[in-house]
Amino acid sequence: MKKIILILVMSIGLYAGTLSSGGSSLGTSKAFSKSNVSLGILLGSSSIGTQNYTVAGVSINYFIIDDLSVGLGYESWFNGNPSIQKLTLESTYYIPASEEVRPYIGGLYRRVLISGLPDVNAYGYRAGVAFIKDNILVSVGMVQEKYETQGNLSSDTQSYAEIVFGIGF
């Protein structure tokens, strides 16, 4: 198979604060506060060689302390052959730069399940900037993954852009 190229990944997130965060605004004091939860829906497309995939997934993140979240995610790649599933463990730190702008950096571990082939482990990082205004969050960043083995892939690294739209409640 040829190099994986993720064309575009867009996530729609729902950010739910705990009762202690007081209100529904995504303001800096609330969006990245300890005990807050975010739920995400992933929609996008990707290609591997001549195979084009539709990518869909879900994720949940929990802020263990202010500005630091840990999360789990699941992706399914379908409409191509072979089918692919990804399980992700991740952690992201949002740097408290200002009320409306938060640079972020994070690490991730992925288990990639490819039908008919051995599973593959991937490790990586993400970096970008989150913008917050009232109940709206938009973040733009890059993700880079390194695969443990090259047995199933022609390249051992993959880089792609990520865009997240969030709505607070």
C-alpha atoms as a PDB file:
ATOM      1  CA  MET A   1       0.000   0.000   0.000  1.00  0.00           C
ATOM      2  CA  LYS A   2       1.159   3.517  -0.666  1.00  0.00           C
ATOM      3  CA  LYS A   3       1.630   6.303   1.842  1.00  0.00           C
ATOM      4  CA  ILE A   4      -1.432   7.289   3.843  1.00  0.00           C
ATOM      5  CA  ILE A   5      -2.485  10.850   3.031  1.00  0.00           C
ATOM      6  CA  LEU A   6      -5.197  12.371   5.152  1.00  0.00           C
ATOM      7  CA  ILE A   7      -6.766  15.054   3.007  1.00  0.00           C
ATOM      8  CA  LEU A   8      -8.918  16.773   5.600  1.00  0.00           C
ATOM      9  CA  VAL A   9     -10.198  15.914   9.001  1.00  0.00           C
ATOM     10  CA  MET A  10     -12.924  17.969  10.601  1.00  0.00           C
ATOM     11  CA  SER A  11     -14.261  17.399  14.091  1.00  0.00           C
ATOM     12  CA  ILE A  12     -17.408  18.771  15.602  1.00  0.00           C
ATOM     13  CA  GLY A  13     -17.121  18.951  19.350  1.00  0.00           C
ATOM     14  CA  LEU A  14     -19.613  19.464  22.130  1.00  0.00           C
ATOM     15  CA  TYR A  15     -17.975  20.873  25.232  1.00  0.00           C
ATOM     16  CA  ALA A  16     -19.831  20.239  28.461  1.00  0.00           C
ATOM     17  CA  GLY A  17     -18.687  21.874  31.672  1.00  0.00           C
ATOM     18  CA  THR A  18     -19.364  20.414  35.070  1.00  0.00           C
ATOM     19  CA  LEU A  19     -21.854  22.005  37.451  1.00  0.00           C
ATOM     20  CA  SER A  20     -18.953  23.588  39.321  1.00  0.00           C
ATOM     21  CA  SER A  21     -17.845  25.541  36.249  1.00  0.00           C
ATOM     22  CA  GLY A  22     -20.971  27.690  36.494  1.00  0.00           C
ATOM     23  CA  GLY A  23     -22.633  28.396  33.165  1.00  0.00           C
ATOM     24  CA  SER A  24     -22.380  27.438  29.548  1.00  0.00           C
ATOM     25  CA  SER A  25     -19.784  29.851  28.191  1.00  0.00           C
ATOM     26  CA  LEU A  26     -16.610  28.455  26.679  1.00  0.00           C
ATOM     27  CA  GLY A  27     -14.631  31.328  28.177  1.00  0.00           C
ATOM     28  CA  THR A  28     -11.058  30.535  29.161  1.00  0.00           C
ATOM     29  CA  SER A  29     -11.952  30.009  32.813  1.00  0.00           C
ATOM     30  CA  LYS A  30     -14.453  27.300  31.869  1.00  0.00           C
ATOM     31  CA  ALA A  31     -13.547  25.528  28.614  1.00  0.00           C
ATOM     32  CA  PHE A  32     -10.232  24.172  29.887  1.00  0.00           C
ATOM     33  CA  SER A  33     -11.124  23.741  33.567  1.00  0.00           C
ATOM     34  CA  LYS A  34     -10.593  20.644  35.649  1.00  0.00           C
ATOM     35  CA  SER A  35     -13.466  18.093  35.344  1.00  0.00           C
ATOM     36  CA  ASN A  36     -14.803  19.477  32.029  1.00  0.00           C
ATOM     37  CA  VAL A  37     -15.689  16.958  29.328  1.00  0.00           C
ATOM     38  CA  SER A  38     -15.651  17.283  25.531  1.00  0.00           C
ATOM     39  CA  LEU A  39     -17.355  14.923  23.119  1.00  0.00           C
ATOM     40  CA  GLY A  40     -16.271  14.862  19.485  1.00  0.00           C
ATOM     41  CA  ILE A  41     -17.616  13.637  16.172  1.00  0.00           C
ATOM     42  CA  LEU A  42     -15.067  13.136  13.375  1.00  0.00           C
ATOM     43  CA  LEU A  43     -15.950  13.385   9.670  1.00  0.00           C
ATOM     44  CA  GLY A  44     -13.431  13.415   6.844  1.00  0.00           C
ATOM     45  CA  SER A  45     -11.772  11.599   3.983  1.00  0.00           C
ATOM     46  CA  SER A  46      -8.447   9.967   3.298  1.00  0.00           C
ATOM     47  CA  SER A  47      -6.679   7.973   0.633  1.00  0.00           C
ATOM     48  CA  ILE A  48      -4.178   5.153   0.578  1.00  0.00           C
ATOM     49  CA  GLY A  49      -2.766   4.599  -2.877  1.00  0.00           C
ATOM     50  CA  THR A  50      -5.777   4.407  -5.177  1.00  0.00           C
ATOM     51  CA  GLN A  51      -8.248   3.676  -2.357  1.00  0.00           C
ATOM     52  CA  ASN A  52     -10.372   6.594  -1.134  1.00  0.00           C
ATOM     53  CA  TYR A  53     -11.936   6.314   2.295  1.00  0.00           C
ATOM     54  CA  THR A  54     -14.665   8.042   4.231  1.00  0.00           C
ATOM     55  CA  VAL A  55     -13.537   8.529   7.827  1.00  0.00           C
ATOM     56  CA  ALA A  56     -15.945   8.759  10.767  1.00  0.00           C
ATOM     57  CA  GLY A  57     -15.258   8.615  14.467  1.00  0.00           C
ATOM     58  CA  VAL A  58     -16.035   9.675  18.005  1.00  0.00           C
ATOM     59  CA  SER A  59     -13.914  10.874  20.900  1.00  0.00           C
ATOM     60  CA  ILE A  60     -14.238  11.895  24.526  1.00  0.00           C
ATOM     61  CA  ASN A  61     -11.783  14.036  26.485  1.00  0.00           C
ATOM     62  CA  TYR A  62     -11.682  14.840  30.200  1.00  0.00           C
ATOM     63  CA  PHE A  63      -9.702  17.649  31.863  1.00  0.00           C
ATOM     64  CA  ILE A  64      -7.793  16.011  34.719  1.00  0.00           C
ATOM     65  CA  ILE A  65      -6.439  19.426  35.789  1.00  0.00           C
ATOM     66  CA  ASP A  66      -6.900  22.915  34.368  1.00  0.00           C
ATOM     67  CA  ASP A  67      -5.600  23.075  30.770  1.00  0.00           C
ATOM     68  CA  LEU A  68      -4.687  19.338  30.537  1.00  0.00           C
ATOM     69  CA  SER A  69      -7.051  16.794  28.965  1.00  0.00           C
ATOM     70  CA  VAL A  70      -6.820  13.052  28.415  1.00  0.00           C
ATOM     71  CA  GLY A  71      -9.025  11.211  25.976  1.00  0.00           C
ATOM     72  CA  LEU A  72     -10.086   8.165  24.004  1.00  0.00           C
ATOM     73  CA  GLY A  73     -11.087   8.024  20.350  1.00  0.00           C
ATOM     74  CA  TYR A  74     -12.321   5.608  17.706  1.00  0.00           C
ATOM     75  CA  GLU A  75     -12.178   5.993  13.897  1.00  0.00           C
ATOM     76  CA  SER A  76     -13.603   3.821  11.152  1.00  0.00           C
ATOM     77  CA  TRP A  77     -12.312   4.090   7.578  1.00  0.00           C
ATOM     78  CA  PHE A  78     -14.814   2.670   5.116  1.00  0.00           C
ATOM     79  CA  ASN A  79     -15.747   2.696   1.403  1.00  0.00           C
ATOM     80  CA  GLY A  80     -12.217   1.436   0.620  1.00  0.00           C
ATOM     81  CA  ASN A  81     -10.344  -1.837   0.792  1.00  0.00           C
ATOM     82  CA  PRO A  82      -9.034  -2.973   3.244  1.00  0.00           C
ATOM     83  CA  SER A  83     -11.213  -1.565   6.032  1.00  0.00           C
ATOM     84  CA  ILE A  84      -9.318   0.286   8.761  1.00  0.00           C
ATOM     85  CA  GLN A  85     -10.123   1.092  12.362  1.00  0.00           C
ATOM     86  CA  LYS A  86      -8.099   3.251  14.741  1.00  0.00           C
ATOM     87  CA  LEU A  87      -8.210   3.324  18.538  1.00  0.00           C
ATOM     88  CA  THR A  88      -6.552   6.372  20.103  1.00  0.00           C
ATOM     89  CA  LEU A  89      -5.320   7.379  23.570  1.00  0.00           C
ATOM     90  CA  GLU A  90      -4.347  11.038  23.748  1.00  0.00           C
ATOM     91  CA  SER A  91      -3.408  13.892  26.032  1.00  0.00           C
ATOM     92  CA  THR A  92      -3.434  17.601  25.170  1.00  0.00           C
ATOM     93  CA  TYR A  93      -2.126  20.648  27.062  1.00  0.00           C
ATOM     94  CA  TYR A  94      -3.658  24.056  26.252  1.00  0.00           C
ATOM     95  CA  ILE A  95      -1.205  26.865  26.981  1.00  0.00           C
ATOM     96  CA  PRO A  96      -3.017  29.710  28.799  1.00  0.00           C
ATOM     97  CA  ALA A  97      -1.810  32.495  26.456  1.00  0.00           C
ATOM     98  CA  SER A  98      -4.920  34.738  26.562  1.00  0.00           C
ATOM     99  CA  GLU A  99      -8.677  34.722  27.123  1.00  0.00           C
ATOM    100  CA  GLU A 100      -9.462  33.922  23.457  1.00  0.00           C
ATOM    101  CA  VAL A 101      -6.333  32.193  22.079  1.00  0.00           C
ATOM    102  CA  ARG A 102      -4.864  28.918  23.369  1.00  0.00           C
ATOM    103  CA  PRO A 103      -1.914  27.248  21.646  1.00  0.00           C
ATOM    104  CA  TYR A 104      -1.916  23.512  22.323  1.00  0.00           C
ATOM    105  CA  ILE A 105       0.433  20.554  22.154  1.00  0.00           C
ATOM    106  CA  GLY A 106      -0.320  16.920  22.806  1.00  0.00           C
ATOM    107  CA  GLY A 107       0.774  13.334  22.465  1.00  0.00           C
ATOM    108  CA  LEU A 108      -1.074  10.293  21.187  1.00  0.00           C
ATOM    109  CA  TYR A 109      -0.888   6.535  20.862  1.00  0.00           C
ATOM    110  CA  ARG A 110      -2.879   4.720  18.158  1.00  0.00           C
ATOM    111  CA  ARG A 111      -3.610   1.087  17.517  1.00  0.00           C
ATOM    112  CA  VAL A 112      -4.400   0.680  13.809  1.00  0.00           C
ATOM    113  CA  LEU A 113      -6.482  -2.371  12.889  1.00  0.00           C
ATOM    114  CA  ILE A 114      -6.322  -3.234   9.169  1.00  0.00           C
ATOM    115  CA  SER A 115      -8.526  -6.085   7.919  1.00  0.00           C
ATOM    116  CA  GLY A 116      -6.432  -9.016   6.718  1.00  0.00           C
ATOM    117  CA  LEU A 117      -3.128  -7.533   7.954  1.00  0.00           C
ATOM    118  CA  PRO A 118      -1.295  -7.379  11.302  1.00  0.00           C
ATOM    119  CA  ASP A 119      -2.219  -4.529  13.652  1.00  0.00           C
ATOM    120  CA  VAL A 120       0.128  -1.522  13.757  1.00  0.00           C
ATOM    121  CA  ASN A 121       1.073   0.778  16.660  1.00  0.00           C
ATOM    122  CA  ALA A 122       1.557   4.491  16.031  1.00  0.00           C
ATOM    123  CA  TYR A 123       2.849   7.263  18.285  1.00  0.00           C
ATOM    124  CA  GLY A 124       2.589  10.934  17.564  1.00  0.00           C
ATOM    125  CA  TYR A 125       1.918  14.485  18.552  1.00  0.00           C
ATOM    126  CA  ARG A 126      -0.386  17.345  17.677  1.00  0.00           C
ATOM    127  CA  ALA A 127       0.131  21.083  17.879  1.00  0.00           C
ATOM    128  CA  GLY A 128      -2.010  24.048  16.970  1.00  0.00           C
ATOM    129  CA  VAL A 129      -4.052  26.984  18.193  1.00  0.00           C
ATOM    130  CA  ALA A 130      -7.562  27.056  19.679  1.00  0.00           C
ATOM    131  CA  PHE A 131      -9.678  30.214  19.351  1.00  0.00           C
ATOM    132  CA  ILE A 132     -12.572  30.783  21.772  1.00  0.00           C
ATOM    133  CA  LYS A 133     -15.376  33.346  21.526  1.00  0.00           C
ATOM    134  CA  ASP A 134     -18.489  33.033  23.724  1.00  0.00           C
ATOM    135  CA  ASN A 135     -19.788  29.447  23.237  1.00  0.00           C
ATOM    136  CA  ILE A 136     -17.765  28.754  20.068  1.00  0.00           C
ATOM    137  CA  LEU A 137     -14.371  27.050  19.834  1.00  0.00           C
ATOM    138  CA  VAL A 138     -12.356  26.688  16.624  1.00  0.00           C
ATOM    139  CA  SER A 139      -8.930  25.053  16.565  1.00  0.00           C
ATOM    140  CA  VAL A 140      -6.512  24.503  13.725  1.00  0.00           C
ATOM    141  CA  GLY A 141      -3.432  22.339  13.958  1.00  0.00           C
ATOM    142  CA  MET A 142      -1.202  19.606  12.609  1.00  0.00           C
ATOM    143  CA  VAL A 143      -0.811  15.979  13.634  1.00  0.00           C
ATOM    144  CA  GLN A 144       2.196  13.782  12.967  1.00  0.00           C
ATOM    145  CA  GLU A 145       2.254  10.030  13.583  1.00  0.00           C
ATOM    146  CA  LYS A 146       5.142   7.573  13.449  1.00  0.00           C
ATOM    147  CA  TYR A 147       4.383   3.913  12.871  1.00  0.00           C
ATOM    148  CA  GLU A 148       6.211   1.256  14.874  1.00  0.00           C
ATOM    149  CA  THR A 149       6.730  -0.928  11.794  1.00  0.00           C
ATOM    150  CA  GLN A 150       6.619  -0.412   8.056  1.00  0.00           C
ATOM    151  CA  GLY A 151       5.264  -3.859   7.256  1.00  0.00           C
ATOM    152  CA  ASN A 152       1.870  -2.587   6.125  1.00  0.00           C
ATOM    153  CA  LEU A 153       2.737   0.940   5.034  1.00  0.00           C
ATOM    154  CA  SER A 154       5.246   2.313   2.570  1.00  0.00           C
ATOM    155  CA  SER A 155       6.075   5.253   4.832  1.00  0.00           C
ATOM    156  CA  ASP A 156       6.610   5.163   8.564  1.00  0.00           C
ATOM    157  CA  THR A 157       5.314   8.697   9.202  1.00  0.00           C
ATOM    158  CA  GLN A 158       2.112  10.540   8.413  1.00  0.00           C
ATOM    159  CA  SER A 159       1.303  14.247   8.809  1.00  0.00           C
ATOM    160  CA  TYR A 160      -2.060  15.916   8.351  1.00  0.00           C
ATOM    161  CA  ALA A 161      -4.078  18.984   9.290  1.00  0.00           C
ATOM    162  CA  GLU A 162      -6.893  18.937  11.819  1.00  0.00           C
ATOM    163  CA  ILE A 163      -9.734  21.432  12.211  1.00  0.00           C
ATOM    164  CA  VAL A 164     -12.081  21.345  15.200  1.00  0.00           C
ATOM    165  CA  PHE A 165     -15.358  23.260  15.618  1.00  0.00           C
ATOM    166  CA  GLY A 166     -16.818  23.272  19.126  1.00  0.00           C
ATOM    167  CA  ILE A 167     -20.073  24.442  20.675  1.00  0.00           C
ATOM    168  CA  GLY A 168     -20.388  24.922  24.431  1.00  0.00           C
ATOM    169  CA  PHE A 169     -23.410  24.021  26.492  1.00  0.00           C
END
